[in-house]
PDB file of N, CA and C in Angstrom:
ATOM      1  N   UNK A   1      25.583  68.330  60.952  1.00  0.00           N
ATOM      2  CA  UNK A   1      25.532  69.133  62.074  1.00  0.00           C
ATOM      3  C   UNK A   1      25.890  68.483  63.554  1.00  0.00           C
ATOM      4  N   UNK A   2      26.138  69.121  64.317  1.00  0.00           N
ATOM      5  CA  UNK A   2      26.571  68.645  65.788  1.00  0.00           C
ATOM      6  C   UNK A   2      25.469  69.204  66.741  1.00  0.00           C
ATOM      7  N   UNK A   3      24.801  68.311  67.284  1.00  0.00           N
ATOM      8  CA  UNK A   3      23.783  68.496  68.291  1.00  0.00           C
ATOM      9  C   UNK A   3      24.265  69.306  69.380  1.00  0.00           C
ATOM     10  N   UNK A   4      25.462  68.964  69.798  1.00  0.00           N
ATOM     11  CA  UNK A   4      26.170  69.583  71.030  1.00  0.00           C
ATOM     12  C   UNK A   4      26.503  71.114  70.629  1.00  0.00           C
ATOM     13  N   UNK A   5      27.148  71.391  69.439  1.00  0.00           N
ATOM     14  CA  UNK A   5      27.228  72.739  69.028  1.00  0.00           C
ATOM     15  C   UNK A   5      26.041  73.409  69.043  1.00  0.00           C
ATOM     16  N   UNK A   6      24.971  72.864  68.284  1.00  0.00           N
ATOM     17  CA  UNK A   6      23.549  73.503  68.291  1.00  0.00           C
ATOM     18  C   UNK A   6      23.114  73.958  69.712  1.00  0.00           C
ATOM     19  N   UNK A   7      23.275  72.974  70.739  1.00  0.00           N
ATOM     20  CA  UNK A   7      22.910  73.343  72.078  1.00  0.00           C
ATOM     21  C   UNK A   7      23.550  74.579  72.511  1.00  0.00           C
ATOM     22  N   UNK A   8      24.931  74.625  72.276  1.00  0.00           N
ATOM     23  CA  UNK A   8      25.766  75.793  72.755  1.00  0.00           C
ATOM     24  C   UNK A   8      25.371  77.034  72.134  1.00  0.00           C
ATOM     25  N   UNK A   9      24.949  76.914  70.740  1.00  0.00           N
ATOM     26  CA  UNK A   9      24.638  78.154  70.155  1.00  0.00           C
ATOM     27  C   UNK A   9      23.116  78.666  70.648  1.00  0.00           C
ATOM     28  N   UNK A  10      22.357  77.683  70.836  1.00  0.00           N
ATOM     29  CA  UNK A  10      21.090  78.109  71.344  1.00  0.00           C
ATOM     30  C   UNK A  10      21.263  78.817  72.697  1.00  0.00           C
ATOM     31  N   UNK A  11      22.191  78.163  73.562  1.00  0.00           N
ATOM     32  CA  UNK A  11      22.217  78.886  75.014  1.00  0.00           C
ATOM     33  C   UNK A  11      22.969  80.162  74.796  1.00  0.00           C
ATOM     34  N   UNK A  12      23.637  80.423  73.689  1.00  0.00           N
ATOM     35  CA  UNK A  12      24.333  81.819  73.463  1.00  0.00           C
ATOM     36  C   UNK A  12      23.490  82.701  72.753  1.00  0.00           C
ATOM     37  N   UNK A  13      22.106  82.401  72.654  1.00  0.00           N
ATOM     38  CA  UNK A  13      21.161  83.269  71.825  1.00  0.00           C
ATOM     39  C   UNK A  13      21.187  83.353  70.520  1.00  0.00           C
ATOM     40  N   UNK A  14      21.827  82.535  69.821  1.00  0.00           N
ATOM     41  CA  UNK A  14      22.099  82.638  68.258  1.00  0.00           C
ATOM     42  C   UNK A  14      20.720  82.132  67.678  1.00  0.00           C
ATOM     43  N   UNK A  15      20.371  82.849  66.561  1.00  0.00           N
ATOM     44  CA  UNK A  15      19.322  82.724  65.819  1.00  0.00           C
ATOM     45  C   UNK A  15      19.189  81.326  65.301  1.00  0.00           C
ATOM     46  N   UNK A  16      17.939  80.719  65.519  1.00  0.00           N
ATOM     47  CA  UNK A  16      17.873  79.370  64.999  1.00  0.00           C
ATOM     48  C   UNK A  16      18.081  79.108  63.323  1.00  0.00           C
ATOM     49  N   UNK A  17      17.946  80.161  62.433  1.00  0.00           N
ATOM     50  CA  UNK A  17      18.258  80.203  61.180  1.00  0.00           C
ATOM     51  C   UNK A  17      19.905  80.070  60.943  1.00  0.00           C
ATOM     52  N   UNK A  18      20.652  80.536  61.899  1.00  0.00           N
ATOM     53  CA  UNK A  18      22.269  80.429  61.818  1.00  0.00           C
ATOM     54  C   UNK A  18      22.577  79.124  62.659  1.00  0.00           C
ATOM     55  N   UNK A  19      21.854  78.227  62.880  1.00  0.00           N
ATOM     56  CA  UNK A  19      22.117  77.030  63.625  1.00  0.00           C
ATOM     57  C   UNK A  19      21.771  75.850  62.580  1.00  0.00           C
ATOM     58  N   UNK A  20      20.402  75.849  62.362  1.00  0.00           N
ATOM     59  CA  UNK A  20      19.829  74.739  61.625  1.00  0.00           C
ATOM     60  C   UNK A  20      18.906  75.223  60.509  1.00  0.00           C
ATOM     61  N   UNK A  21      18.994  76.561  60.345  1.00  0.00           N
ATOM     62  CA  UNK A  21      18.105  77.283  59.315  1.00  0.00           C
ATOM     63  C   UNK A  21      18.698  77.219  57.851  1.00  0.00           C
ATOM     64  N   UNK A  22      18.303  78.126  57.181  1.00  0.00           N
ATOM     65  CA  UNK A  22      18.562  78.496  55.797  1.00  0.00           C
ATOM     66  C   UNK A  22      19.884  79.478  55.591  1.00  0.00           C
ATOM     67  N   UNK A  23      20.479  79.755  56.608  1.00  0.00           N
ATOM     68  CA  UNK A  23      21.584  80.606  56.545  1.00  0.00           C
ATOM     69  C   UNK A  23      22.865  79.876  55.831  1.00  0.00           C
ATOM     70  N   UNK A  24      23.873  80.685  55.153  1.00  0.00           N
ATOM     71  CA  UNK A  24      24.748  80.120  54.419  1.00  0.00           C
ATOM     72  C   UNK A  24      25.632  79.197  55.374  1.00  0.00           C
ATOM     73  N   UNK A  25      26.462  78.373  54.724  1.00  0.00           N
ATOM     74  CA  UNK A  25      27.413  77.723  55.577  1.00  0.00           C
ATOM     75  C   UNK A  25      28.375  78.715  56.248  1.00  0.00           C
ATOM     76  N   UNK A  26      28.766  79.619  55.512  1.00  0.00           N
ATOM     77  CA  UNK A  26      29.691  80.576  56.008  1.00  0.00           C
ATOM     78  C   UNK A  26      28.924  81.536  57.336  1.00  0.00           C
ATOM     79  N   UNK A  27      27.869  81.882  57.106  1.00  0.00           N
ATOM     80  CA  UNK A  27      27.114  82.573  58.274  1.00  0.00           C
ATOM     81  C   UNK A  27      26.974  81.669  59.452  1.00  0.00           C
ATOM     82  N   UNK A  28      26.674  80.577  59.331  1.00  0.00           N
ATOM     83  CA  UNK A  28      26.532  79.386  60.287  1.00  0.00           C
ATOM     84  C   UNK A  28      27.878  79.273  61.118  1.00  0.00           C
ATOM     85  N   UNK A  29      28.948  79.207  60.270  1.00  0.00           N
ATOM     86  CA  UNK A  29      30.358  78.937  60.780  1.00  0.00           C
ATOM     87  C   UNK A  29      30.733  80.308  61.610  1.00  0.00           C
ATOM     88  N   UNK A  30      30.360  81.512  61.108  1.00  0.00           N
ATOM     89  CA  UNK A  30      30.630  82.750  61.923  1.00  0.00           C
ATOM     90  C   UNK A  30      29.853  82.865  63.156  1.00  0.00           C
ATOM     91  N   UNK A  31      28.527  82.197  63.114  1.00  0.00           N
ATOM     92  CA  UNK A  31      27.900  82.183  64.332  1.00  0.00           C
ATOM     93  C   UNK A  31      28.287  81.358  65.316  1.00  0.00           C
ATOM     94  N   UNK A  32      29.108  80.296  64.978  1.00  0.00           N
ATOM     95  CA  UNK A  32      29.813  79.124  65.701  1.00  0.00           C
ATOM     96  C   UNK A  32      30.936  80.023  66.223  1.00  0.00           C
ATOM     97  N   UNK A  33      31.715  80.750  65.465  1.00  0.00           N
ATOM     98  CA  UNK A  33      32.817  81.411  65.945  1.00  0.00           C
ATOM     99  C   UNK A  33      32.633  82.528  66.943  1.00  0.00           C
ATOM    100  N   UNK A  34      31.392  83.010  67.125  1.00  0.00           N
ATOM    101  CA  UNK A  34      30.984  84.024  67.920  1.00  0.00           C
ATOM    102  C   UNK A  34      30.510  83.254  69.204  1.00  0.00           C
ATOM    103  N   UNK A  35      29.919  82.055  69.108  1.00  0.00           N
ATOM    104  CA  UNK A  35      29.761  81.314  70.268  1.00  0.00           C
ATOM    105  C   UNK A  35      31.035  80.672  71.060  1.00  0.00           C
ATOM    106  N   UNK A  36      31.862  80.198  70.348  1.00  0.00           N
ATOM    107  CA  UNK A  36      32.953  79.400  70.979  1.00  0.00           C
ATOM    108  C   UNK A  36      33.550  80.145  72.294  1.00  0.00           C
ATOM    109  N   UNK A  37      34.181  81.431  71.976  1.00  0.00           N
ATOM    110  CA  UNK A  37      34.677  81.960  73.281  1.00  0.00           C
ATOM    111  C   UNK A  37      33.646  81.963  74.492  1.00  0.00           C
ATOM    112  N   UNK A  38      32.311  81.756  74.351  1.00  0.00           N
ATOM    113  CA  UNK A  38      31.496  81.729  75.514  1.00  0.00           C
ATOM    114  C   UNK A  38      31.445  80.248  76.083  1.00  0.00           C
ATOM    115  N   UNK A  39      32.054  79.373  75.420  1.00  0.00           N
ATOM    116  CA  UNK A  39      32.072  77.753  75.806  1.00  0.00           C
ATOM    117  C   UNK A  39      33.349  77.557  76.736  1.00  0.00           C
ATOM    118  N   UNK A  40      34.225  78.547  76.961  1.00  0.00           N
ATOM    119  CA  UNK A  40      35.321  78.199  77.730  1.00  0.00           C
ATOM    120  C   UNK A  40      35.095  77.418  79.074  1.00  0.00           C
ATOM    121  N   UNK A  41      35.797  76.388  79.303  1.00  0.00           N
ATOM    122  CA  UNK A  41      35.409  75.642  80.364  1.00  0.00           C
ATOM    123  C   UNK A  41      34.503  74.348  80.051  1.00  0.00           C
ATOM    124  N   UNK A  42      33.839  74.651  78.881  1.00  0.00           N
ATOM    125  CA  UNK A  42      32.966  73.307  78.318  1.00  0.00           C
ATOM    126  C   UNK A  42      33.788  72.549  77.502  1.00  0.00           C
ATOM    127  N   UNK A  43      33.424  71.273  77.367  1.00  0.00           N
ATOM    128  CA  UNK A  43      34.307  70.528  76.334  1.00  0.00           C
ATOM    129  C   UNK A  43      34.054  70.774  74.830  1.00  0.00           C
ATOM    130  N   UNK A  44      33.109  71.706  74.432  1.00  0.00           N
ATOM    131  CA  UNK A  44      32.940  72.111  73.096  1.00  0.00           C
ATOM    132  C   UNK A  44      34.173  73.012  72.781  1.00  0.00           C
ATOM    133  N   UNK A  45      34.568  73.891  73.784  1.00  0.00           N
ATOM    134  CA  UNK A  45      35.717  74.882  73.523  1.00  0.00           C
ATOM    135  C   UNK A  45      36.952  74.035  73.042  1.00  0.00           C
ATOM    136  N   UNK A  46      37.356  72.818  73.885  1.00  0.00           N
ATOM    137  CA  UNK A  46      38.462  72.080  73.580  1.00  0.00           C
ATOM    138  C   UNK A  46      38.246  71.351  72.470  1.00  0.00           C
ATOM    139  N   UNK A  47      36.990  70.835  72.088  1.00  0.00           N
ATOM    140  CA  UNK A  47      36.894  69.756  70.765  1.00  0.00           C
ATOM    141  C   UNK A  47      37.135  70.883  69.598  1.00  0.00           C
ATOM    142  N   UNK A  48      36.578  71.940  69.742  1.00  0.00           N
ATOM    143  CA  UNK A  48      36.861  72.910  68.508  1.00  0.00           C
ATOM    144  C   UNK A  48      38.157  72.985  68.197  1.00  0.00           C
ATOM    145  N   UNK A  49      38.939  73.337  69.213  1.00  0.00           N
ATOM    146  CA  UNK A  49      40.549  73.541  69.013  1.00  0.00           C
ATOM    147  C   UNK A  49      41.189  72.333  68.503  1.00  0.00           C
ATOM    148  N   UNK A  50      40.633  71.134  69.062  1.00  0.00           N
ATOM    149  CA  UNK A  50      41.228  69.920  68.522  1.00  0.00           C
ATOM    150  C   UNK A  50      40.847  69.654  67.068  1.00  0.00           C
ATOM    151  N   UNK A  51      39.489  70.087  66.717  1.00  0.00           N
ATOM    152  CA  UNK A  51      39.105  69.800  65.461  1.00  0.00           C
ATOM    153  C   UNK A  51      40.120  70.768  64.273  1.00  0.00           C
ATOM    154  N   UNK A  52      40.545  71.601  64.924  1.00  0.00           N
ATOM    155  CA  UNK A  52      41.416  72.582  64.003  1.00  0.00           C
ATOM    156  C   UNK A  52      42.840  72.159  64.056  1.00  0.00           C
ATOM    157  N   UNK A  53      43.296  71.545  65.260  1.00  0.00           N
ATOM    158  CA  UNK A  53      44.766  71.138  65.519  1.00  0.00           C
ATOM    159  C   UNK A  53      44.964  70.036  64.689  1.00  0.00           C
ATOM    160  N   UNK A  54      44.116  68.900  65.004  1.00  0.00           N
ATOM    161  CA  UNK A  54      44.660  67.615  64.437  1.00  0.00           C
ATOM    162  C   UNK A  54      44.606  67.346  63.026  1.00  0.00           C
ATOM    163  N   UNK A  55      43.687  67.645  62.261  1.00  0.00           N
ATOM    164  CA  UNK A  55      43.849  67.558  60.822  1.00  0.00           C
ATOM    165  C   UNK A  55      44.374  68.616  60.192  1.00  0.00           C
ATOM    166  N   UNK A  56      44.168  69.864  60.631  1.00  0.00           N
ATOM    167  CA  UNK A  56      44.622  71.072  59.895  1.00  0.00           C
ATOM    168  C   UNK A  56      45.873  71.775  60.456  1.00  0.00           C
ATOM    169  N   UNK A  57      46.249  71.283  61.355  1.00  0.00           N
ATOM    170  CA  UNK A  57      47.669  71.826  62.104  1.00  0.00           C
ATOM    171  C   UNK A  57      47.418  73.261  62.517  1.00  0.00           C
ATOM    172  N   UNK A  58      46.316  73.712  62.771  1.00  0.00           N
ATOM    173  CA  UNK A  58      46.099  75.151  63.445  1.00  0.00           C
ATOM    174  C   UNK A  58      46.446  75.186  64.832  1.00  0.00           C
ATOM    175  N   UNK A  59      47.326  75.651  65.335  1.00  0.00           N
ATOM    176  CA  UNK A  59      47.872  75.752  66.754  1.00  0.00           C
ATOM    177  C   UNK A  59      48.043  77.336  66.994  1.00  0.00           C
ATOM    178  N   UNK A  60      48.163  77.582  68.229  1.00  0.00           N
ATOM    179  CA  UNK A  60      48.519  78.905  68.905  1.00  0.00           C
ATOM    180  C   UNK A  60      47.520  79.977  68.386  1.00  0.00           C
ATOM    181  N   UNK A  61      46.296  79.599  67.955  1.00  0.00           N
ATOM    182  CA  UNK A  61      45.213  80.325  67.432  1.00  0.00           C
ATOM    183  C   UNK A  61      43.862  80.127  68.060  1.00  0.00           C
ATOM    184  N   UNK A  62      43.458  80.972  68.904  1.00  0.00           N
ATOM    185  CA  UNK A  62      42.087  80.586  69.545  1.00  0.00           C
ATOM    186  C   UNK A  62      40.923  81.066  68.428  1.00  0.00           C
ATOM    187  N   UNK A  63      40.030  80.142  68.256  1.00  0.00           N
ATOM    188  CA  UNK A  63      38.953  80.359  67.387  1.00  0.00           C
ATOM    189  C   UNK A  63      38.038  81.363  67.920  1.00  0.00           C
ATOM    190  N   UNK A  64      37.619  82.381  67.270  1.00  0.00           N
ATOM    191  CA  UNK A  64      36.938  83.537  67.634  1.00  0.00           C
ATOM    192  C   UNK A  64      36.475  84.072  66.362  1.00  0.00           C
ATOM    193  N   UNK A  65      35.527  85.160  66.546  1.00  0.00           N
ATOM    194  CA  UNK A  65      35.017  85.974  65.539  1.00  0.00           C
ATOM    195  C   UNK A  65      36.276  86.752  64.763  1.00  0.00           C
ATOM    196  N   UNK A  66      37.400  87.099  65.644  1.00  0.00           N
ATOM    197  CA  UNK A  66      38.591  87.877  65.058  1.00  0.00           C
ATOM    198  C   UNK A  66      39.365  86.923  64.253  1.00  0.00           C
ATOM    199  N   UNK A  67      39.397  85.451  64.426  1.00  0.00           N
ATOM    200  CA  UNK A  67      40.372  84.609  63.701  1.00  0.00           C
ATOM    201  C   UNK A  67      39.638  83.816  62.769  1.00  0.00           C
ATOM    202  N   UNK A  68      38.139  83.866  62.817  1.00  0.00           N
ATOM    203  CA  UNK A  68      37.319  82.907  62.081  1.00  0.00           C
ATOM    204  C   UNK A  68      37.706  82.981  60.530  1.00  0.00           C
ATOM    205  N   UNK A  69      37.769  84.176  59.966  1.00  0.00           N
ATOM    206  CA  UNK A  69      37.843  84.249  58.446  1.00  0.00           C
ATOM    207  C   UNK A  69      39.274  83.813  57.995  1.00  0.00           C
ATOM    208  N   UNK A  70      40.216  84.006  58.669  1.00  0.00           N
ATOM    209  CA  UNK A  70      41.395  83.393  58.416  1.00  0.00           C
ATOM    210  C   UNK A  70      41.463  82.042  58.380  1.00  0.00           C
ATOM    211  N   UNK A  71      40.848  81.255  59.450  1.00  0.00           N
ATOM    212  CA  UNK A  71      40.744  79.880  59.664  1.00  0.00           C
ATOM    213  C   UNK A  71      39.894  79.253  58.619  1.00  0.00           C
ATOM    214  N   UNK A  72      38.821  79.995  58.203  1.00  0.00           N
ATOM    215  CA  UNK A  72      38.063  79.442  57.159  1.00  0.00           C
ATOM    216  C   UNK A  72      38.689  79.445  55.859  1.00  0.00           C
ATOM    217  N   UNK A  73      39.439  80.425  55.449  1.00  0.00           N
ATOM    218  CA  UNK A  73      40.155  80.139  54.185  1.00  0.00           C
ATOM    219  C   UNK A  73      41.389  79.149  54.355  1.00  0.00           C
ATOM    220  N   UNK A  74      42.085  79.125  55.372  1.00  0.00           N
ATOM    221  CA  UNK A  74      43.065  78.037  55.575  1.00  0.00           C
ATOM    222  C   UNK A  74      42.606  76.722  55.492  1.00  0.00           C
ATOM    223  N   UNK A  75      41.472  76.388  56.111  1.00  0.00           N
ATOM    224  CA  UNK A  75      41.031  75.126  56.115  1.00  0.00           C
ATOM    225  C   UNK A  75      40.662  74.593  54.570  1.00  0.00           C
ATOM    226  N   UNK A  76      39.842  75.798  54.154  1.00  0.00           N
ATOM    227  CA  UNK A  76      39.199  75.491  52.874  1.00  0.00           C
ATOM    228  C   UNK A  76      40.452  75.214  51.825  1.00  0.00           C
ATOM    229  N   UNK A  77      41.416  75.735  51.804  1.00  0.00           N
ATOM    230  CA  UNK A  77      42.585  75.696  50.789  1.00  0.00           C
ATOM    231  C   UNK A  77      42.972  74.100  51.184  1.00  0.00           C
ATOM    232  N   UNK A  78      43.251  73.715  52.391  1.00  0.00           N
ATOM    233  CA  UNK A  78      43.669  72.368  52.664  1.00  0.00           C
ATOM    234  C   UNK A  78      42.538  71.265  52.055  1.00  0.00           C
ATOM    235  N   UNK A  79      41.235  71.799  52.348  1.00  0.00           N
ATOM    236  CA  UNK A  79      40.164  70.695  51.803  1.00  0.00           C
ATOM    237  C   UNK A  79      40.102  70.510  50.358  1.00  0.00           C
ATOM    238  N   UNK A  80      40.823  71.266  49.537  1.00  0.00           N
ATOM    239  CA  UNK A  80      40.680  71.287  48.097  1.00  0.00           C
ATOM    240  C   UNK A  80      41.820  70.158  47.749  1.00  0.00           C
ATOM    241  N   UNK A  81      42.790  69.640  48.542  1.00  0.00           N
ATOM    242  CA  UNK A  81      43.800  69.092  48.340  1.00  0.00           C
ATOM    243  C   UNK A  81      43.341  67.443  48.511  1.00  0.00           C
ATOM    244  N   UNK A  82      43.927  66.412  47.535  1.00  0.00           N
ATOM    245  CA  UNK A  82      43.562  65.062  47.757  1.00  0.00           C
ATOM    246  C   UNK A  82      43.741  64.439  49.257  1.00  0.00           C
ATOM    247  N   UNK A  83      44.582  64.938  49.967  1.00  0.00           N
ATOM    248  CA  UNK A  83      44.792  64.565  51.414  1.00  0.00           C
ATOM    249  C   UNK A  83      43.671  64.969  52.167  1.00  0.00           C
ATOM    250  N   UNK A  84      42.927  65.667  51.839  1.00  0.00           N
ATOM    251  CA  UNK A  84      41.970  66.400  52.736  1.00  0.00           C
ATOM    252  C   UNK A  84      40.590  66.037  52.380  1.00  0.00           C
ATOM    253  N   UNK A  85      40.232  64.847  51.561  1.00  0.00           N
ATOM    254  CA  UNK A  85      39.023  64.396  51.318  1.00  0.00           C
ATOM    255  C   UNK A  85      38.411  63.788  52.706  1.00  0.00           C
ATOM    256  N   UNK A  86      37.309  63.554  52.528  1.00  0.00           N
ATOM    257  CA  UNK A  86      36.797  62.977  54.042  1.00  0.00           C
ATOM    258  C   UNK A  86      37.490  61.604  54.191  1.00  0.00           C
ATOM    259  N   UNK A  87      37.875  60.832  53.344  1.00  0.00           N
ATOM    260  CA  UNK A  87      38.477  59.510  53.419  1.00  0.00           C
ATOM    261  C   UNK A  87      39.994  59.822  53.928  1.00  0.00           C
ATOM    262  N   UNK A  88      40.626  60.983  53.088  1.00  0.00           N
ATOM    263  CA  UNK A  88      41.982  61.207  53.423  1.00  0.00           C
ATOM    264  C   UNK A  88      42.278  61.533  54.843  1.00  0.00           C
ATOM    265  N   UNK A  89      41.397  62.269  55.308  1.00  0.00           N
ATOM    266  CA  UNK A  89      41.390  62.958  56.785  1.00  0.00           C
ATOM    267  C   UNK A  89      41.149  61.700  57.614  1.00  0.00           C
ATOM    268  N   UNK A  90      40.265  60.716  57.291  1.00  0.00           N
ATOM    269  CA  UNK A  90      39.930  59.501  58.414  1.00  0.00           C
ATOM    270  C   UNK A  90      41.229  58.673  58.306  1.00  0.00           C
ATOM    271  N   UNK A  91      41.953  58.558  57.071  1.00  0.00           N
ATOM    272  CA  UNK A  91      43.235  57.688  56.989  1.00  0.00           C
ATOM    273  C   UNK A  91      44.252  58.544  57.772  1.00  0.00           C
ATOM    274  N   UNK A  92      44.420  59.742  57.779  1.00  0.00           N
ATOM    275  CA  UNK A  92      45.466  60.324  58.430  1.00  0.00           C
ATOM    276  C   UNK A  92      45.214  60.148  60.078  1.00  0.00           C
ATOM    277  N   UNK A  93      43.999  60.136  60.517  1.00  0.00           N
ATOM    278  CA  UNK A  93      43.516  60.028  61.929  1.00  0.00           C
ATOM    279  C   UNK A  93      43.432  58.584  62.213  1.00  0.00           C
ATOM    280  N   UNK A  94      43.986  57.697  61.204  1.00  0.00           N
ATOM    281  CA  UNK A  94      43.831  56.170  61.766  1.00  0.00           C
ATOM    282  C   UNK A  94      42.533  55.716  62.078  1.00  0.00           C
ATOM    283  N   UNK A  95      41.477  56.357  61.649  1.00  0.00           N
ATOM    284  CA  UNK A  95      40.101  55.880  61.862  1.00  0.00           C
ATOM    285  C   UNK A  95      39.874  54.496  61.359  1.00  0.00           C
ATOM    286  N   UNK A  96      39.149  53.610  62.121  1.00  0.00           N
ATOM    287  CA  UNK A  96      39.093  52.179  62.010  1.00  0.00           C
ATOM    288  C   UNK A  96      37.508  52.056  61.554  1.00  0.00           C
ATOM    289  N   UNK A  97      36.746  52.841  62.398  1.00  0.00           N
ATOM    290  CA  UNK A  97      35.236  52.840  62.232  1.00  0.00           C
ATOM    291  C   UNK A  97      34.746  54.109  62.545  1.00  0.00           C
ATOM    292  N   UNK A  98      33.478  54.508  61.502  1.00  0.00           N
ATOM    293  CA  UNK A  98      32.936  55.858  62.041  1.00  0.00           C
ATOM    294  C   UNK A  98      31.543  55.424  62.196  1.00  0.00           C
ATOM    295  N   UNK A  99      30.957  56.028  63.474  1.00  0.00           N
ATOM    296  CA  UNK A  99      29.627  55.876  63.739  1.00  0.00           C
ATOM    297  C   UNK A  99      28.873  57.323  63.991  1.00  0.00           C
ATOM    298  N   UNK A 100      27.614  57.269  64.197  1.00  0.00           N
ATOM    299  CA  UNK A 100      26.949  58.513  64.205  1.00  0.00           C
ATOM    300  C   UNK A 100      25.782  58.329  65.434  1.00  0.00           C
ATOM    301  N   UNK A 101      25.366  59.517  65.981  1.00  0.00           N
ATOM    302  CA  UNK A 101      24.453  59.573  66.992  1.00  0.00           C
ATOM    303  C   UNK A 101      23.049  59.473  66.328  1.00  0.00           C
ATOM    304  N   UNK A 102      22.795  59.599  64.893  1.00  0.00           N
ATOM    305  CA  UNK A 102      21.633  59.597  64.248  1.00  0.00           C
ATOM    306  C   UNK A 102      20.959  58.363  64.434  1.00  0.00           C
TER     307      UNK A 102
END
């Protein structure tokens, strides 16, 4: 989870069950898709699009409820390949160290 995204979702009025609750991953993802257009001008908006562009190559597509399902399937297809394991993505991004705010 990402506490910055959670805060944005709460500010957008998203139910807690769709943020940190028992909703499915897909339902939480779709709730985020509903939130992103409201974050225009906030770093969350830009970070979301960078997260799609850098490892997945998704460009010229704004993340929104209208594009979320297509992006979900596209990303999940790639995540099934050996290059898109957590380690594979970090190697592609030349990550030397990973840290956490926890």
